[in-house]
Amino acid sequence: MDFTKQDSGKDLICFLIPLIAAELFQQVYALINTIVVSHVLDYRAVAVIGACSGFLAVRSNFICGMMYGFGIYLGKAVGRNDEDYFRQSFSALAVCTLMLGVLGIAALPFTYRMLLAGNVPAELFDDAGRYLRTAFAGSGAMTAKLFLLVTLQAVGETGYFSFLAAAWQDLMKNGFSKTAYFVLGAAGDLFLQRTVNTFPVEMIAGQTWAVRLQTVLLVLPGELGTASGVITGQNVGAGNRENIRRYHRRLVRWMVWYGLMAIGVVYLMGYPLLRILTGTNQTAVAVSAADWIRITVSAFPAAFFILYRNALQAMGRYVQVVCLGILHLAVMLVTAYVLAPAFGYEAAAFGVAAGWMLQTAAGVFFFRHAMKGGAAVWKKKD
């Protein structure tokens, strides 16, 4: 879809609907999986998922960051209309996919040490070990799925394998910049999860439920961020910075209104819904989940940093993207080692919300600075 012509809300909605539907399906599936675990087993099994989430976030964010970064580059290779260069790029992507899959599996022998480092409660240790090993064993399947996804997004078909050093260099540049942000963010979440794991198991399970619902609510903001990256990339190439401004004003308005609606839904329906999802006999878990999500969702109207993160990536402002990741890591460290130990479980949730809002403030600053960039940034490509 061409976003360089005009600020079209209709085109934007048509672009977003299939993306939102696909992502929503995936997140609802994850939520249903947690419901099954909670009702067939118990809240301790849900706590196992949450207690291990920090390590899996690091693995997943590293792999996803690399693969989606590679996908951005592969799309650019398609845009060059150079069949040979695309084949070189595809070859590099395929080899990197294999390497990432092997890397995930190579972590299997270290799961015991991970559990110790993550402060996983002793009563969850055995189950958490089995869960973590199973998850890491599936790394190869995860990278293969992402390989197919980014390839289809870029072109829909592939050619044969070959090698070109320039393709590898450009591929890694795009992949590592986005990966750095994701891994820094995941590292911050891991430090925070270590602290949450020192709270009672019911609170760990409650946080797990809250994050599951929170992820569902973040589907729309996430896809608006995807639209931001696509719109910015197209208009940078077209030399049309004013169109970027118009679209981003629209996207920010949508994010603010959606955030306000999300707050209303969570405060009105959050606790009753959690009582149903967790099971009527798990009141402490539902209360902990409701406390967490009420705090984090309150930041939604001011948490549109994802728009600017993706826009900066599309502009080639890789250092600023990494700076946002560093900021998130810093806030999580302060939360994990100062706020949460001093003020408890709710302070951990507050740290998450504060991290989003600080990233938004920094993202706005970086975005405005980038929009004032020199002519070279906005030179229309032939």
Protein backbone atom coordinates (compact mmCIF):
# COMPACT_ATOMS: atom_id res chain seq x y z
CA MET A 1 0.00 0.00 0.00
CA ASP A 2 1.32 3.45 -0.95
CA PHE A 3 1.36 5.95 1.94
CA THR A 4 3.32 8.63 0.08
CA LYS A 5 0.38 10.23 -1.74
CA GLN A 6 -1.85 11.55 1.01
CA ASP A 7 -2.88 11.09 4.63
CA SER A 8 -5.59 8.49 4.07
CA GLY A 9 -7.30 7.08 7.15
CA LYS A 10 -9.15 4.55 5.00
CA ASP A 11 -5.93 3.17 3.53
CA LEU A 12 -4.38 3.03 6.99
CA ILE A 13 -7.31 1.07 8.39
CA CYS A 14 -7.24 -1.37 5.46
CA PHE A 15 -3.53 -1.86 6.08
CA LEU A 16 -4.00 -2.46 9.82
CA ILE A 17 -6.97 -4.86 9.83
CA PRO A 18 -5.15 -8.02 8.64
CA LEU A 19 -2.13 -7.25 10.84
CA ILE A 20 -4.28 -6.77 13.92
CA ALA A 21 -6.32 -9.90 13.17
CA ALA A 22 -3.21 -12.08 12.82
CA GLU A 23 -1.53 -10.74 15.96
CA LEU A 24 -4.73 -10.83 17.99
CA PHE A 25 -5.23 -14.48 17.06
CA GLN A 26 -1.73 -15.31 18.30
CA GLN A 27 -2.11 -13.44 21.59
CA VAL A 28 -5.59 -14.84 22.28
CA TYR A 29 -4.16 -18.30 21.68
CA ALA A 30 -1.49 -17.61 24.31
CA LEU A 31 -4.18 -16.39 26.70
CA ILE A 32 -6.28 -19.51 26.12
CA ASN A 33 -3.20 -21.64 26.73
CA THR A 34 -2.77 -19.95 30.12
CA ILE A 35 -6.45 -20.51 30.93
CA VAL A 36 -6.07 -24.22 30.19
CA VAL A 37 -2.94 -24.44 32.35
CA SER A 38 -4.68 -22.65 35.22
CA HIS A 39 -7.84 -24.77 35.17
CA VAL A 40 -6.32 -28.17 34.37
CA LEU A 41 -3.35 -27.72 36.72
CA ASP A 42 -3.29 -24.79 39.17
CA TYR A 43 -1.92 -21.31 39.77
CA ARG A 44 1.55 -22.71 40.49
CA ALA A 45 1.79 -23.88 36.89
CA VAL A 46 0.89 -20.35 35.77
CA ALA A 47 3.56 -19.01 38.14
CA VAL A 48 6.11 -21.29 36.44
CA ILE A 49 5.35 -19.60 33.11
CA GLY A 50 5.81 -16.18 34.65
CA ALA A 51 8.93 -17.08 36.63
CA CYS A 52 10.66 -18.26 33.43
CA SER A 53 9.37 -15.45 31.24
CA GLY A 54 12.44 -13.25 31.64
CA PHE A 55 14.77 -15.82 30.11
CA LEU A 56 12.36 -16.66 27.31
CA ALA A 57 11.94 -12.95 26.60
CA VAL A 58 15.69 -12.58 26.11
CA ARG A 59 15.75 -15.56 23.75
CA SER A 60 12.63 -14.55 21.83
CA ASN A 61 13.54 -10.87 21.58
CA PHE A 62 17.03 -11.66 20.34
CA ILE A 63 15.74 -14.01 17.66
CA CYS A 64 12.79 -11.78 16.70
CA GLY A 65 14.94 -8.66 16.63
CA MET A 66 17.43 -10.27 14.30
CA MET A 67 14.80 -11.82 12.04
CA TYR A 68 12.59 -8.73 11.77
CA GLY A 69 15.64 -6.57 11.20
CA PHE A 70 16.71 -8.97 8.48
CA GLY A 71 13.19 -8.75 7.06
CA ILE A 72 13.45 -4.97 6.75
CA TYR A 73 16.65 -5.40 4.80
CA LEU A 74 15.22 -8.17 2.63
CA GLY A 75 12.34 -5.87 1.72
CA LYS A 76 14.85 -3.23 0.66
CA ALA A 77 16.64 -5.83 -1.46
CA VAL A 78 13.35 -6.57 -3.22
CA GLY A 79 12.85 -2.86 -3.79
CA ARG A 80 16.16 -2.65 -5.67
CA ASN A 81 14.72 -4.86 -8.43
CA ASP A 82 18.07 -6.67 -8.53
CA GLU A 83 17.42 -10.42 -8.67
CA ASP A 84 21.03 -11.38 -8.02
CA TYR A 85 21.33 -9.12 -4.98
CA PHE A 86 18.07 -10.46 -3.58
CA ARG A 87 19.37 -14.01 -3.88
CA GLN A 88 22.53 -13.02 -2.01
CA SER A 89 20.44 -11.42 0.73
CA PHE A 90 18.12 -14.42 0.94
CA SER A 91 21.09 -16.75 1.25
CA ALA A 92 22.53 -14.73 4.12
CA LEU A 93 19.13 -14.71 5.85
CA ALA A 94 18.75 -18.48 5.52
CA VAL A 95 22.18 -19.17 7.01
CA CYS A 96 21.56 -16.74 9.86
CA THR A 97 18.26 -18.49 10.56
CA LEU A 98 20.03 -21.81 10.97
CA MET A 99 22.66 -20.25 13.24
CA LEU A 100 20.03 -18.62 15.47
CA GLY A 101 18.14 -21.90 15.82
CA VAL A 102 21.29 -23.73 16.87
CA LEU A 103 22.15 -20.94 19.33
CA GLY A 104 18.81 -21.35 21.12
CA ILE A 105 19.23 -25.10 21.43
CA ALA A 106 22.80 -24.64 22.70
CA ALA A 107 21.37 -22.96 25.82
CA LEU A 108 19.78 -26.21 27.02
CA PRO A 109 22.68 -27.29 29.28
CA PHE A 110 22.51 -24.00 31.16
CA THR A 111 18.86 -24.06 32.25
CA TYR A 112 19.66 -25.05 35.84
CA ARG A 113 21.96 -22.06 36.27
CA MET A 114 19.34 -19.84 34.68
CA LEU A 115 16.77 -20.89 37.27
CA LEU A 116 19.20 -20.13 40.08
CA ALA A 117 20.08 -16.74 38.60
CA GLY A 118 16.40 -15.94 38.09
CA ASN A 119 15.43 -16.43 41.76
CA VAL A 120 12.84 -19.04 40.76
CA PRO A 121 11.12 -20.21 43.97
CA ALA A 122 12.23 -23.63 45.21
CA GLU A 123 8.71 -25.04 45.06
CA LEU A 124 8.58 -24.27 41.31
CA PHE A 125 12.12 -25.37 40.49
CA ASP A 126 11.53 -28.83 38.99
CA ASP A 127 8.55 -27.81 36.86
CA ALA A 128 10.31 -24.62 35.77
CA GLY A 129 13.33 -26.62 34.63
CA ARG A 130 11.25 -28.88 32.42
CA TYR A 131 9.31 -25.93 31.02
CA LEU A 132 12.45 -23.93 30.23
CA ARG A 133 14.22 -26.86 28.56
CA THR A 134 11.18 -27.57 26.38
CA ALA A 135 10.93 -23.92 25.38
CA PHE A 136 14.60 -23.64 24.42
CA ALA A 137 14.42 -26.91 22.49
CA GLY A 138 11.81 -25.27 20.25
CA SER A 139 14.11 -22.42 19.22
CA GLY A 140 14.77 -23.99 15.83
CA ALA A 141 11.07 -24.15 15.01
CA MET A 142 10.64 -20.53 16.10
CA THR A 143 13.41 -19.25 13.84
CA ALA A 144 12.11 -21.32 10.91
CA LYS A 145 8.65 -19.80 11.33
CA LEU A 146 10.07 -16.28 11.43
CA PHE A 147 12.25 -17.02 8.41
CA LEU A 148 9.15 -17.92 6.39
CA LEU A 149 7.25 -14.93 7.77
CA VAL A 150 9.80 -12.26 6.91
CA THR A 151 10.41 -13.81 3.49
CA LEU A 152 6.71 -13.80 2.66
CA GLN A 153 6.39 -10.24 3.91
CA ALA A 154 9.23 -9.18 1.64
CA VAL A 155 8.39 -10.99 -1.60
CA GLY A 156 6.32 -14.18 -1.34
CA GLU A 157 8.84 -16.46 -3.11
CA THR A 158 12.56 -17.22 -3.01
CA GLY A 159 15.48 -18.06 -5.27
CA TYR A 160 18.68 -20.04 -4.94
CA PHE A 161 21.56 -19.68 -2.48
CA SER A 162 24.77 -17.71 -3.03
CA PHE A 163 27.06 -15.37 -1.14
CA LEU A 164 27.96 -11.68 -1.22
CA ALA A 165 29.87 -9.94 1.57
CA ALA A 166 28.00 -6.65 1.11
CA ALA A 167 24.67 -8.38 1.62
CA TRP A 168 25.86 -9.90 4.88
CA GLN A 169 27.20 -6.56 6.14
CA ASP A 170 23.99 -4.67 5.38
CA LEU A 171 21.86 -7.52 6.71
CA MET A 172 23.72 -7.53 10.03
CA LYS A 173 23.56 -3.75 10.33
CA ASN A 174 19.77 -3.79 10.08
CA GLY A 175 19.39 -6.92 12.20
CA PHE A 176 21.66 -5.92 15.07
CA SER A 177 20.22 -2.42 15.47
CA LYS A 178 16.72 -3.71 16.17
CA THR A 179 18.03 -6.68 18.13
CA ALA A 180 19.99 -4.36 20.43
CA TYR A 181 16.76 -2.59 21.41
CA PHE A 182 14.84 -5.83 21.95
CA VAL A 183 17.61 -7.52 23.94
CA LEU A 184 18.18 -4.48 26.14
CA GLY A 185 14.45 -4.38 26.84
CA ALA A 186 14.35 -8.11 27.55
CA ALA A 187 17.36 -7.83 29.86
CA GLY A 188 15.52 -5.14 31.83
CA ASP A 189 12.43 -7.36 32.03
CA LEU A 190 14.62 -10.24 33.21
CA PHE A 191 16.04 -8.18 36.09
CA LEU A 192 12.53 -7.11 37.05
CA GLN A 193 11.27 -10.70 36.89
CA ARG A 194 14.07 -11.78 39.25
CA THR A 195 12.66 -9.40 41.82
CA VAL A 196 9.04 -10.41 41.19
CA ASN A 197 10.12 -14.03 41.72
CA THR A 198 10.96 -13.15 45.34
CA PHE A 199 7.30 -12.36 46.05
CA PRO A 200 4.72 -15.04 46.98
CA VAL A 201 3.81 -17.53 44.27
CA GLU A 202 0.27 -16.11 44.06
CA MET A 203 1.73 -12.73 43.09
CA ILE A 204 3.98 -14.32 40.46
CA ALA A 205 0.93 -16.05 38.99
CA GLY A 206 -1.02 -12.78 39.17
CA GLN A 207 1.69 -10.91 37.28
CA THR A 208 1.70 -13.66 34.66
CA TRP A 209 -2.03 -13.24 34.11
CA ALA A 210 -1.71 -9.45 34.00
CA VAL A 211 1.05 -9.62 31.38
CA ARG A 212 -1.05 -12.02 29.28
CA LEU A 213 -3.99 -9.60 29.23
CA GLN A 214 -1.67 -6.64 28.84
CA THR A 215 -0.17 -8.25 25.73
CA VAL A 216 -3.62 -8.69 24.20
CA LEU A 217 -4.39 -5.02 24.88
CA LEU A 218 -1.08 -4.02 23.26
CA VAL A 219 -1.94 -5.66 19.93
CA LEU A 220 -3.39 -2.47 18.43
CA PRO A 221 -0.53 -0.21 19.63
CA GLY A 222 1.95 -2.75 18.29
CA GLU A 223 0.42 -2.77 14.83
CA LEU A 224 0.15 1.02 14.82
CA GLY A 225 3.89 0.90 15.43
CA THR A 226 4.27 -1.39 12.42
CA ALA A 227 2.31 1.13 10.34
CA SER A 228 4.59 3.89 11.62
CA GLY A 229 7.66 2.06 10.36
CA VAL A 230 6.13 1.36 6.94
CA ILE A 231 4.79 4.90 6.51
CA THR A 232 8.05 6.49 7.59
CA GLY A 233 10.16 4.24 5.38
CA GLN A 234 8.08 4.98 2.30
CA ASN A 235 8.04 8.73 2.87
CA VAL A 236 11.73 8.97 3.68
CA GLY A 237 12.37 7.36 0.31
CA ALA A 238 9.94 9.80 -1.32
CA GLY A 239 11.43 12.80 0.46
CA ASN A 240 8.04 13.67 1.94
CA ARG A 241 8.57 14.58 5.58
CA GLU A 242 5.26 16.47 5.86
CA ASN A 243 3.36 13.27 5.12
CA ILE A 244 5.20 11.60 8.00
CA ARG A 245 4.08 14.39 10.32
CA ARG A 246 0.45 14.13 9.20
CA TYR A 247 0.30 10.36 9.59
CA HIS A 248 2.00 10.43 12.97
CA ARG A 249 -0.40 13.03 14.31
CA ARG A 250 -3.20 10.66 13.32
CA LEU A 251 -1.45 7.64 14.85
CA VAL A 252 -0.80 9.46 18.13
CA ARG A 253 -4.46 10.50 18.38
CA TRP A 254 -5.53 6.91 17.85
CA MET A 255 -3.09 5.70 20.50
CA VAL A 256 -4.32 8.24 23.07
CA TRP A 257 -8.00 7.45 22.49
CA TYR A 258 -7.33 3.73 22.57
CA GLY A 259 -5.35 4.11 25.79
CA LEU A 260 -8.23 5.92 27.46
CA MET A 261 -10.68 3.22 26.36
CA ALA A 262 -8.33 0.50 27.63
CA ILE A 263 -8.21 2.18 31.03
CA GLY A 264 -12.00 2.23 31.21
CA VAL A 265 -12.29 -1.43 30.22
CA VAL A 266 -9.65 -2.59 32.72
CA TYR A 267 -11.06 -0.61 35.65
CA LEU A 268 -14.64 -1.64 34.94
CA MET A 269 -14.20 -5.24 33.82
CA GLY A 270 -10.65 -6.27 34.69
CA TYR A 271 -11.17 -7.90 38.07
CA PRO A 272 -14.42 -9.75 37.22
CA LEU A 273 -12.82 -11.06 34.03
CA LEU A 274 -9.72 -12.21 35.89
CA ARG A 275 -11.85 -14.04 38.45
CA ILE A 276 -13.42 -16.00 35.58
CA LEU A 277 -10.14 -16.65 33.77
CA THR A 278 -8.10 -17.67 36.80
CA GLY A 279 -10.82 -19.70 38.47
CA THR A 280 -13.18 -18.68 41.23
CA ASN A 281 -11.02 -20.31 43.92
CA GLN A 282 -7.94 -18.22 43.08
CA THR A 283 -8.93 -14.87 44.57
CA ALA A 284 -5.41 -13.87 45.60
CA VAL A 285 -4.13 -14.48 42.07
CA ALA A 286 -6.95 -12.44 40.52
CA VAL A 287 -6.40 -9.55 42.95
CA SER A 288 -2.65 -9.48 42.21
CA ALA A 289 -3.31 -9.56 38.46
CA ALA A 290 -5.86 -6.76 38.68
CA ASP A 291 -3.52 -4.59 40.77
CA TRP A 292 -0.72 -4.99 38.21
CA ILE A 293 -2.73 -4.34 35.06
CA ARG A 294 -4.57 -1.34 36.52
CA ILE A 295 -1.23 0.35 37.13
CA THR A 296 0.36 -0.49 33.78
CA VAL A 297 -2.70 0.25 31.62
CA SER A 298 -2.91 3.72 33.21
CA ALA A 299 0.19 4.61 31.15
CA PHE A 300 -1.34 3.54 27.83
CA PRO A 301 -2.46 7.05 26.69
CA ALA A 302 1.14 8.29 27.08
CA ALA A 303 2.92 5.10 25.97
CA PHE A 304 3.17 5.55 22.21
CA PHE A 305 6.96 5.18 22.12
CA ILE A 306 6.55 2.24 19.73
CA LEU A 307 5.52 4.70 17.00
CA TYR A 308 8.76 6.62 17.32
CA ARG A 309 10.93 3.56 17.81
CA ASN A 310 9.83 2.13 14.48
CA ALA A 311 9.93 5.51 12.76
CA LEU A 312 13.50 6.07 13.92
CA GLN A 313 14.43 2.59 12.69
CA ALA A 314 12.97 3.41 9.27
CA MET A 315 14.91 6.68 9.20
CA GLY A 316 18.15 4.82 9.86
CA ARG A 317 18.55 6.42 13.30
CA TYR A 318 19.87 3.21 14.82
CA VAL A 319 21.75 4.85 17.71
CA GLN A 320 18.60 6.54 18.96
CA VAL A 321 16.72 3.22 18.79
CA VAL A 322 19.41 1.63 20.96
CA CYS A 323 19.22 4.59 23.35
CA LEU A 324 15.53 3.83 23.91
CA GLY A 325 16.50 0.27 24.81
CA ILE A 326 19.16 1.54 27.23
CA LEU A 327 16.60 3.83 28.86
CA HIS A 328 14.20 0.91 29.36
CA LEU A 329 16.99 -1.19 30.87
CA ALA A 330 17.95 1.62 33.26
CA VAL A 331 14.37 2.09 34.48
CA MET A 332 13.94 -1.65 35.02
CA LEU A 333 17.19 -1.83 37.00
CA VAL A 334 16.07 1.00 39.27
CA THR A 335 12.69 -0.68 39.68
CA ALA A 336 14.17 -4.12 40.35
CA TYR A 337 16.82 -3.06 42.84
CA VAL A 338 15.35 0.07 44.46
CA LEU A 339 11.61 0.57 44.02
CA ALA A 340 10.26 -2.98 44.22
CA PRO A 341 12.37 -4.09 47.23
CA ALA A 342 11.41 -0.92 49.09
CA PHE A 343 7.73 -0.56 48.15
CA GLY A 344 6.67 -4.01 47.01
CA TYR A 345 4.75 -5.62 44.17
CA GLU A 346 2.81 -2.54 43.03
CA ALA A 347 6.07 -0.59 42.67
CA ALA A 348 7.26 -3.18 40.15
CA ALA A 349 4.18 -2.51 38.02
CA PHE A 350 4.69 1.24 38.40
CA GLY A 351 8.25 0.84 37.08
CA VAL A 352 6.92 -0.78 33.91
CA ALA A 353 4.49 2.11 33.34
CA ALA A 354 7.18 4.70 34.08
CA GLY A 355 9.54 3.02 31.62
CA TRP A 356 6.97 3.28 28.83
CA MET A 357 6.31 6.96 29.50
CA LEU A 358 10.01 7.86 29.68
CA GLN A 359 10.63 6.05 26.40
CA THR A 360 7.78 8.06 24.87
CA ALA A 361 9.32 11.34 26.02
CA ALA A 362 12.73 10.35 24.64
CA GLY A 363 11.16 9.02 21.43
CA VAL A 364 9.34 12.32 20.81
CA PHE A 365 12.60 14.21 21.29
CA PHE A 366 14.57 11.95 18.93
CA PHE A 367 11.78 11.95 16.33
CA ARG A 368 11.52 15.73 16.23
CA HIS A 369 15.28 16.01 15.93
CA ALA A 370 15.30 13.49 13.08
CA MET A 371 12.50 15.35 11.29
CA LYS A 372 14.77 18.39 11.21
CA GLY A 373 17.55 16.34 9.60
CA GLY A 374 19.63 17.58 6.73
CA ALA A 375 18.80 17.25 3.06
CA ALA A 376 20.72 13.96 2.79
CA VAL A 377 18.20 12.24 5.03
CA TRP A 378 15.28 13.38 2.89
CA LYS A 379 16.83 13.11 -0.52
CA LYS A 380 14.38 11.38 -2.83
CA LYS A 381 15.76 8.10 -4.11
CA ASP A 382 15.89 7.59 -7.84
